[in-house]
């Protein structure tokens, strides 16, 4: 989905407000990236957007919460993740 410059500025303003209203735990970043790395190394021919996009029916990922992404990554790629055990 392409946004006009005006829409983009509005989104940035909204994001800035949300960021200052609800600070998030920065430790989640490393945890999410490690999960993505583990999955991606098992399926290296996938593009990053494919890997993440496969987790949701809708193409609109902009407001998906991180915990929802982690849950979906673990669910969709559970067979790949089982190979480590």
N, C-alpha and C. Protein backbone atom coordinates (compact mmCIF):
# COMPACT_ATOMS: atom_id res chain seq x y z
N UNK A 1 0.85 -1.17 0.00
CA UNK A 1 0.00 0.00 0.00
C UNK A 1 0.89 1.24 0.00
N UNK A 2 0.74 2.07 -0.99
CA UNK A 2 1.51 3.31 -1.07
C UNK A 2 0.76 4.42 -0.35
N UNK A 3 1.52 5.27 0.30
CA UNK A 3 0.94 6.41 1.01
C UNK A 3 1.44 7.70 0.37
N UNK A 4 0.58 8.69 0.35
CA UNK A 4 1.01 10.00 -0.11
C UNK A 4 1.88 10.62 0.97
N UNK A 5 2.59 11.66 0.63
CA UNK A 5 3.45 12.36 1.60
C UNK A 5 2.63 12.84 2.79
N UNK A 6 1.44 13.36 2.52
CA UNK A 6 0.57 13.86 3.58
C UNK A 6 0.13 12.72 4.50
N UNK A 7 -0.26 11.59 3.92
CA UNK A 7 -0.66 10.43 4.72
C UNK A 7 0.52 9.92 5.55
N UNK A 8 1.70 9.93 4.94
CA UNK A 8 2.89 9.45 5.62
C UNK A 8 3.22 10.33 6.83
N UNK A 9 3.13 11.65 6.65
CA UNK A 9 3.38 12.56 7.77
C UNK A 9 2.38 12.33 8.89
N UNK A 10 1.13 12.10 8.52
CA UNK A 10 0.09 11.84 9.51
C UNK A 10 0.39 10.54 10.27
N UNK A 11 0.82 9.52 9.55
CA UNK A 11 1.18 8.25 10.19
C UNK A 11 2.36 8.43 11.14
N UNK A 12 3.37 9.17 10.71
CA UNK A 12 4.53 9.42 11.57
C UNK A 12 4.14 10.15 12.84
N UNK A 13 3.26 11.13 12.70
CA UNK A 13 2.80 11.88 13.86
C UNK A 13 2.05 10.96 14.82
N UNK A 14 1.20 10.12 14.29
CA UNK A 14 0.44 9.17 15.10
C UNK A 14 1.38 8.19 15.79
N UNK A 15 2.37 7.69 15.05
CA UNK A 15 3.34 6.76 15.62
C UNK A 15 4.12 7.41 16.75
N UNK A 16 4.54 8.64 16.55
CA UNK A 16 5.30 9.35 17.57
C UNK A 16 4.49 9.47 18.85
N UNK A 17 3.22 9.78 18.71
CA UNK A 17 2.35 9.89 19.88
C UNK A 17 2.22 8.55 20.56
N UNK A 18 2.02 7.48 19.78
CA UNK A 18 1.88 6.15 20.36
C UNK A 18 3.16 5.72 21.06
N UNK A 19 4.29 6.06 20.48
CA UNK A 19 5.57 5.67 21.06
C UNK A 19 5.76 6.35 22.41
N UNK A 20 5.43 7.62 22.49
CA UNK A 20 5.61 8.33 23.76
C UNK A 20 4.56 7.93 24.78
N UNK A 21 3.38 7.51 24.33
CA UNK A 21 2.32 7.10 25.25
C UNK A 21 2.61 5.75 25.89
N UNK A 22 3.16 4.82 25.12
CA UNK A 22 3.34 3.46 25.61
C UNK A 22 4.76 2.97 25.32
N UNK A 23 5.72 3.25 26.19
CA UNK A 23 7.07 2.74 25.93
C UNK A 23 7.08 1.22 25.99
N UNK A 24 7.82 0.60 25.11
CA UNK A 24 7.88 -0.86 25.04
C UNK A 24 9.25 -1.33 25.52
N UNK A 25 9.29 -2.56 25.94
CA UNK A 25 10.52 -3.19 26.40
C UNK A 25 11.44 -3.41 25.20
N UNK A 26 12.61 -2.81 25.22
CA UNK A 26 13.53 -2.93 24.08
C UNK A 26 14.15 -4.32 23.98
N UNK A 27 14.07 -5.14 25.01
CA UNK A 27 14.62 -6.50 24.95
C UNK A 27 13.88 -7.35 23.93
N UNK A 28 12.64 -7.00 23.62
CA UNK A 28 11.85 -7.77 22.66
C UNK A 28 12.49 -7.76 21.28
N UNK A 29 13.23 -6.72 20.96
CA UNK A 29 13.82 -6.58 19.62
C UNK A 29 14.78 -7.72 19.35
N UNK A 30 15.71 -7.95 20.26
CA UNK A 30 16.67 -9.04 20.09
C UNK A 30 16.00 -10.40 20.03
N UNK A 31 14.98 -10.60 20.87
CA UNK A 31 14.27 -11.88 20.90
C UNK A 31 13.57 -12.15 19.57
N UNK A 32 12.94 -11.13 19.03
CA UNK A 32 12.23 -11.29 17.75
C UNK A 32 13.23 -11.54 16.62
N UNK A 33 14.31 -10.77 16.61
CA UNK A 33 15.31 -10.94 15.55
C UNK A 33 15.96 -12.32 15.61
N UNK A 34 16.21 -12.86 16.80
CA UNK A 34 16.77 -14.21 16.93
C UNK A 34 15.82 -15.25 16.38
N UNK A 35 14.53 -15.09 16.64
CA UNK A 35 13.53 -16.01 16.11
C UNK A 35 13.50 -15.94 14.59
N UNK A 36 13.48 -14.73 14.05
CA UNK A 36 13.48 -14.57 12.60
C UNK A 36 14.75 -15.17 12.00
N UNK A 37 15.89 -14.91 12.63
CA UNK A 37 17.15 -15.46 12.13
C UNK A 37 17.12 -16.99 12.10
N UNK A 38 16.62 -17.59 13.17
CA UNK A 38 16.56 -19.06 13.26
C UNK A 38 15.70 -19.63 12.12
N UNK A 39 14.55 -19.02 11.89
CA UNK A 39 13.65 -19.48 10.83
C UNK A 39 14.28 -19.24 9.46
N UNK A 40 14.82 -18.06 9.26
CA UNK A 40 15.36 -17.66 7.96
C UNK A 40 16.54 -18.53 7.56
N UNK A 41 17.37 -18.92 8.51
CA UNK A 41 18.52 -19.78 8.20
C UNK A 41 18.07 -21.16 7.75
N UNK A 42 16.89 -21.59 8.18
CA UNK A 42 16.35 -22.88 7.76
C UNK A 42 15.66 -22.77 6.40
N UNK A 43 15.31 -21.56 5.98
CA UNK A 43 14.65 -21.32 4.69
C UNK A 43 15.30 -20.11 4.03
N UNK A 44 16.59 -20.22 3.68
CA UNK A 44 17.33 -19.05 3.20
C UNK A 44 16.89 -18.49 1.85
N UNK A 45 16.13 -19.25 1.09
CA UNK A 45 15.68 -18.74 -0.21
C UNK A 45 14.46 -17.83 -0.09
N UNK A 46 13.87 -17.77 1.09
CA UNK A 46 12.74 -16.87 1.29
C UNK A 46 13.24 -15.44 1.42
N UNK A 47 12.44 -14.52 0.95
CA UNK A 47 12.72 -13.12 1.18
C UNK A 47 12.13 -12.75 2.55
N UNK A 48 12.71 -11.75 3.20
CA UNK A 48 12.25 -11.37 4.53
C UNK A 48 10.76 -11.04 4.54
N UNK A 49 10.31 -10.29 3.56
CA UNK A 49 8.88 -9.92 3.53
C UNK A 49 8.00 -11.15 3.31
N UNK A 50 8.50 -12.14 2.60
CA UNK A 50 7.75 -13.38 2.43
C UNK A 50 7.65 -14.12 3.76
N UNK A 51 8.77 -14.20 4.46
CA UNK A 51 8.82 -14.90 5.72
C UNK A 51 7.82 -14.31 6.71
N UNK A 52 7.80 -13.00 6.81
CA UNK A 52 6.89 -12.34 7.74
C UNK A 52 5.47 -12.31 7.18
N UNK A 53 5.33 -12.02 5.90
CA UNK A 53 4.01 -11.91 5.27
C UNK A 53 3.21 -13.20 5.30
N UNK A 54 3.89 -14.35 5.32
CA UNK A 54 3.20 -15.64 5.38
C UNK A 54 2.42 -15.81 6.68
N UNK A 55 2.71 -15.02 7.66
CA UNK A 55 2.07 -15.15 8.97
C UNK A 55 0.68 -14.54 9.03
N UNK A 56 0.31 -13.75 8.05
CA UNK A 56 -0.96 -13.03 8.11
C UNK A 56 -1.68 -13.11 6.78
N UNK A 57 -2.99 -13.25 6.84
CA UNK A 57 -3.80 -13.27 5.62
C UNK A 57 -3.83 -11.90 4.97
N UNK A 58 -3.95 -10.89 5.79
CA UNK A 58 -4.01 -9.52 5.29
C UNK A 58 -2.60 -9.03 5.00
N UNK A 59 -2.47 -8.19 4.00
CA UNK A 59 -1.17 -7.60 3.68
C UNK A 59 -0.83 -6.42 4.58
N UNK A 60 -1.75 -6.03 5.44
CA UNK A 60 -1.54 -4.86 6.28
C UNK A 60 -0.90 -5.25 7.61
N UNK A 61 0.42 -5.12 7.69
CA UNK A 61 1.16 -5.52 8.89
C UNK A 61 1.52 -4.32 9.76
N UNK A 62 1.16 -3.14 9.35
CA UNK A 62 1.66 -1.92 9.96
C UNK A 62 1.38 -1.83 11.45
N UNK A 63 0.21 -2.26 11.88
CA UNK A 63 -0.16 -2.12 13.29
C UNK A 63 -0.19 -3.45 14.04
N UNK A 64 0.40 -4.48 13.48
CA UNK A 64 0.46 -5.77 14.18
C UNK A 64 1.41 -5.63 15.36
N UNK A 65 0.98 -6.09 16.51
CA UNK A 65 1.81 -6.05 17.72
C UNK A 65 2.89 -7.12 17.62
N UNK A 66 4.01 -6.87 18.25
CA UNK A 66 5.15 -7.78 18.20
C UNK A 66 4.81 -9.16 18.74
N UNK A 67 4.05 -9.22 19.83
CA UNK A 67 3.70 -10.52 20.40
C UNK A 67 2.84 -11.34 19.44
N UNK A 68 2.02 -10.68 18.64
CA UNK A 68 1.21 -11.37 17.64
C UNK A 68 2.12 -11.93 16.55
N UNK A 69 3.10 -11.15 16.13
CA UNK A 69 4.05 -11.63 15.12
C UNK A 69 4.81 -12.85 15.63
N UNK A 70 5.31 -12.80 16.85
CA UNK A 70 6.06 -13.92 17.42
C UNK A 70 5.19 -15.18 17.46
N UNK A 71 3.96 -15.02 17.92
CA UNK A 71 3.02 -16.15 17.99
C UNK A 71 2.81 -16.76 16.61
N UNK A 72 2.59 -15.91 15.62
CA UNK A 72 2.35 -16.40 14.26
C UNK A 72 3.60 -17.03 13.65
N UNK A 73 4.77 -16.43 13.87
CA UNK A 73 6.01 -17.01 13.36
C UNK A 73 6.19 -18.42 13.92
N UNK A 74 5.98 -18.57 15.22
CA UNK A 74 6.14 -19.88 15.86
C UNK A 74 5.12 -20.88 15.35
N UNK A 75 3.92 -20.42 15.08
CA UNK A 75 2.87 -21.30 14.59
C UNK A 75 3.11 -21.73 13.14
N UNK A 76 3.36 -20.77 12.27
CA UNK A 76 3.53 -21.05 10.84
C UNK A 76 4.78 -21.89 10.58
N UNK A 77 5.85 -21.60 11.30
CA UNK A 77 7.14 -22.25 11.04
C UNK A 77 7.50 -23.28 12.10
N UNK A 78 6.48 -23.83 12.80
CA UNK A 78 6.75 -24.78 13.88
C UNK A 78 7.54 -25.99 13.41
N UNK A 79 7.30 -26.47 12.20
CA UNK A 79 8.03 -27.64 11.70
C UNK A 79 9.52 -27.33 11.54
N UNK A 80 9.83 -26.16 11.04
CA UNK A 80 11.24 -25.77 10.91
C UNK A 80 11.89 -25.61 12.28
N UNK A 81 11.15 -25.05 13.22
CA UNK A 81 11.69 -24.84 14.56
C UNK A 81 11.87 -26.16 15.32
N UNK A 82 11.05 -27.17 15.01
CA UNK A 82 11.16 -28.49 15.65
C UNK A 82 12.47 -29.17 15.28
N UNK A 83 13.00 -28.86 14.11
CA UNK A 83 14.23 -29.51 13.65
C UNK A 83 15.40 -29.26 14.59
N UNK A 84 15.35 -28.18 15.37
CA UNK A 84 16.42 -27.87 16.31
C UNK A 84 16.41 -28.77 17.53
N UNK A 85 15.27 -29.37 17.81
CA UNK A 85 15.14 -30.15 19.05
C UNK A 85 15.59 -31.57 18.88
